[in-house]
């Protein structure tokens, strides 16, 4: 929120709760606390604050924390709606892409198996 949006929000909060004063110092504190919060999220935060805590005056820290929770909740909801990225599968198998290496490894495995059988006396 910018400075003008903060003043508008504080004016609106003051109309709901006169304990939240609209003065230059208060505007500065609220503007600092709400600098990275969107105005719609801030308004929802204030509404939820007074819905849950009617007797407690809104403070910049409490509203900022509640706004962060709302923002995280919205982002999580959006991420849950998006399908996961498909896994990339190469159209050719590893064997088809590396035939020489495949043949070399197969021959090495064959030789290792023959040596193992001879060592055990089974060949």
Protein backbone atom coordinates (compact mmCIF):
# COMPACT_ATOMS: atom_id res chain seq x y z
CA UNK A 1 0.00 0.00 0.00
CA UNK A 2 1.20 3.48 -0.72
CA UNK A 3 0.81 6.55 1.51
CA UNK A 4 -2.57 7.61 0.06
CA UNK A 5 -4.02 4.12 0.39
CA UNK A 6 -2.81 3.98 3.99
CA UNK A 7 -4.54 7.28 4.80
CA UNK A 8 -7.76 6.02 3.18
CA UNK A 9 -7.56 2.77 5.14
CA UNK A 10 -6.90 4.57 8.43
CA UNK A 11 -9.84 6.91 7.76
CA UNK A 12 -12.04 3.87 7.15
CA UNK A 13 -10.76 2.11 10.29
CA UNK A 14 -11.28 5.31 12.33
CA UNK A 15 -14.91 5.39 11.23
CA UNK A 16 -15.34 1.84 12.54
CA UNK A 17 -13.17 2.21 15.64
CA UNK A 18 -12.41 5.74 16.90
CA UNK A 19 -9.60 4.35 19.08
CA UNK A 20 -7.44 4.12 15.93
CA UNK A 21 -6.33 7.72 15.49
CA UNK A 22 -5.77 9.39 12.16
CA UNK A 23 -2.66 11.53 12.63
CA UNK A 24 0.68 11.89 10.87
CA UNK A 25 2.62 9.64 13.23
CA UNK A 26 0.01 6.89 13.03
CA UNK A 27 -0.09 7.16 9.24
CA UNK A 28 3.69 6.79 9.12
CA UNK A 29 3.70 3.70 11.34
CA UNK A 30 0.84 2.07 9.45
CA UNK A 31 2.40 2.91 6.07
CA UNK A 32 5.66 1.27 7.14
CA UNK A 33 3.90 -1.85 8.45
CA UNK A 34 1.65 -2.19 5.40
CA UNK A 35 4.18 -1.26 2.71
CA UNK A 36 4.25 -4.75 1.18
CA UNK A 37 0.53 -5.50 1.58
CA UNK A 38 -2.08 -5.06 -1.15
CA UNK A 39 -5.00 -2.81 -0.24
CA UNK A 40 -7.66 -5.52 -0.74
CA UNK A 41 -5.73 -7.89 1.53
CA UNK A 42 -5.36 -5.12 4.13
CA UNK A 43 -9.09 -4.42 4.08
CA UNK A 44 -9.90 -8.12 4.47
CA UNK A 45 -7.41 -8.29 7.35
CA UNK A 46 -9.12 -5.43 9.16
CA UNK A 47 -12.54 -6.98 8.60
CA UNK A 48 -11.39 -10.34 9.95
CA UNK A 49 -9.66 -8.67 12.89
CA UNK A 50 -12.84 -6.92 14.01
CA UNK A 51 -14.91 -10.02 13.32
CA UNK A 52 -12.73 -12.02 15.74
CA UNK A 53 -11.68 -9.25 18.17
CA UNK A 54 -14.37 -6.63 18.41
CA UNK A 55 -13.05 -5.19 21.68
CA UNK A 56 -9.38 -4.92 20.58
CA UNK A 57 -8.30 -1.95 18.49
CA UNK A 58 -6.55 -2.75 15.22
CA UNK A 59 -2.79 -2.34 15.35
CA UNK A 60 -0.38 -2.20 12.43
CA UNK A 61 1.50 -5.30 13.54
CA UNK A 62 -1.60 -7.42 14.05
CA UNK A 63 -3.12 -6.38 10.74
CA UNK A 64 0.19 -6.91 8.91
CA UNK A 65 0.53 -10.44 10.33
CA UNK A 66 -3.07 -11.26 9.46
CA UNK A 67 -2.50 -9.89 5.95
CA UNK A 68 0.54 -12.16 5.51
CA UNK A 69 -1.59 -15.15 6.55
CA UNK A 70 -4.32 -14.18 4.09
CA UNK A 71 -1.78 -13.71 1.29
CA UNK A 72 -0.20 -17.12 2.00
CA UNK A 73 -3.63 -18.74 2.10
CA UNK A 74 -4.58 -17.23 -1.26
CA UNK A 75 -1.29 -18.33 -2.83
CA UNK A 76 -1.69 -21.86 -1.47
CA UNK A 77 -5.25 -22.06 -2.76
CA UNK A 78 -4.11 -20.92 -6.21
CA UNK A 79 -1.21 -23.38 -6.23
CA UNK A 80 -3.58 -26.21 -5.28
CA UNK A 81 -5.80 -25.41 -8.27
CA UNK A 82 -2.93 -25.55 -10.77
CA UNK A 83 -2.08 -28.99 -12.12
CA UNK A 84 1.43 -30.27 -11.47
CA UNK A 85 3.98 -29.92 -14.22
CA UNK A 86 4.28 -33.05 -16.34
CA UNK A 87 7.46 -35.04 -15.94
CA UNK A 88 9.71 -34.87 -18.96
CA UNK A 89 10.24 -38.21 -20.60
CA UNK A 90 12.74 -38.49 -23.39
CA UNK A 91 11.16 -40.04 -26.49
CA UNK A 92 14.11 -42.42 -26.87
CA UNK A 93 15.29 -44.86 -24.22
CA UNK A 94 18.76 -44.61 -22.76
CA UNK A 95 19.70 -47.73 -24.71
CA UNK A 96 18.57 -46.19 -28.00
CA UNK A 97 20.49 -42.98 -27.30
CA UNK A 98 23.72 -44.74 -26.21
CA UNK A 99 24.04 -48.00 -28.18
CA UNK A 100 27.84 -48.23 -27.93
CA UNK A 101 27.85 -47.69 -24.17
CA UNK A 102 25.03 -50.22 -23.80
CA UNK A 103 26.98 -52.85 -25.73
CA UNK A 104 30.15 -52.15 -23.73
CA UNK A 105 28.34 -52.44 -20.39
CA UNK A 106 26.54 -55.62 -21.45
CA UNK A 107 29.82 -57.23 -22.48
CA UNK A 108 31.46 -56.12 -19.23
CA UNK A 109 28.57 -57.60 -17.25
CA UNK A 110 28.82 -60.86 -19.22
CA UNK A 111 32.56 -61.10 -18.55
CA UNK A 112 32.06 -60.32 -14.83
CA UNK A 113 29.41 -63.04 -14.56
CA UNK A 114 31.62 -65.63 -16.27
CA UNK A 115 34.53 -64.73 -13.96
CA UNK A 116 32.23 -65.02 -10.93
CA UNK A 117 30.95 -68.44 -12.00
CA UNK A 118 34.49 -69.67 -12.61
CA UNK A 119 35.59 -68.42 -9.19
CA UNK A 120 32.75 -70.36 -7.56
CA UNK A 121 33.56 -73.47 -9.55
CA UNK A 122 30.22 -73.55 -11.33
CA UNK A 123 31.55 -73.21 -14.85
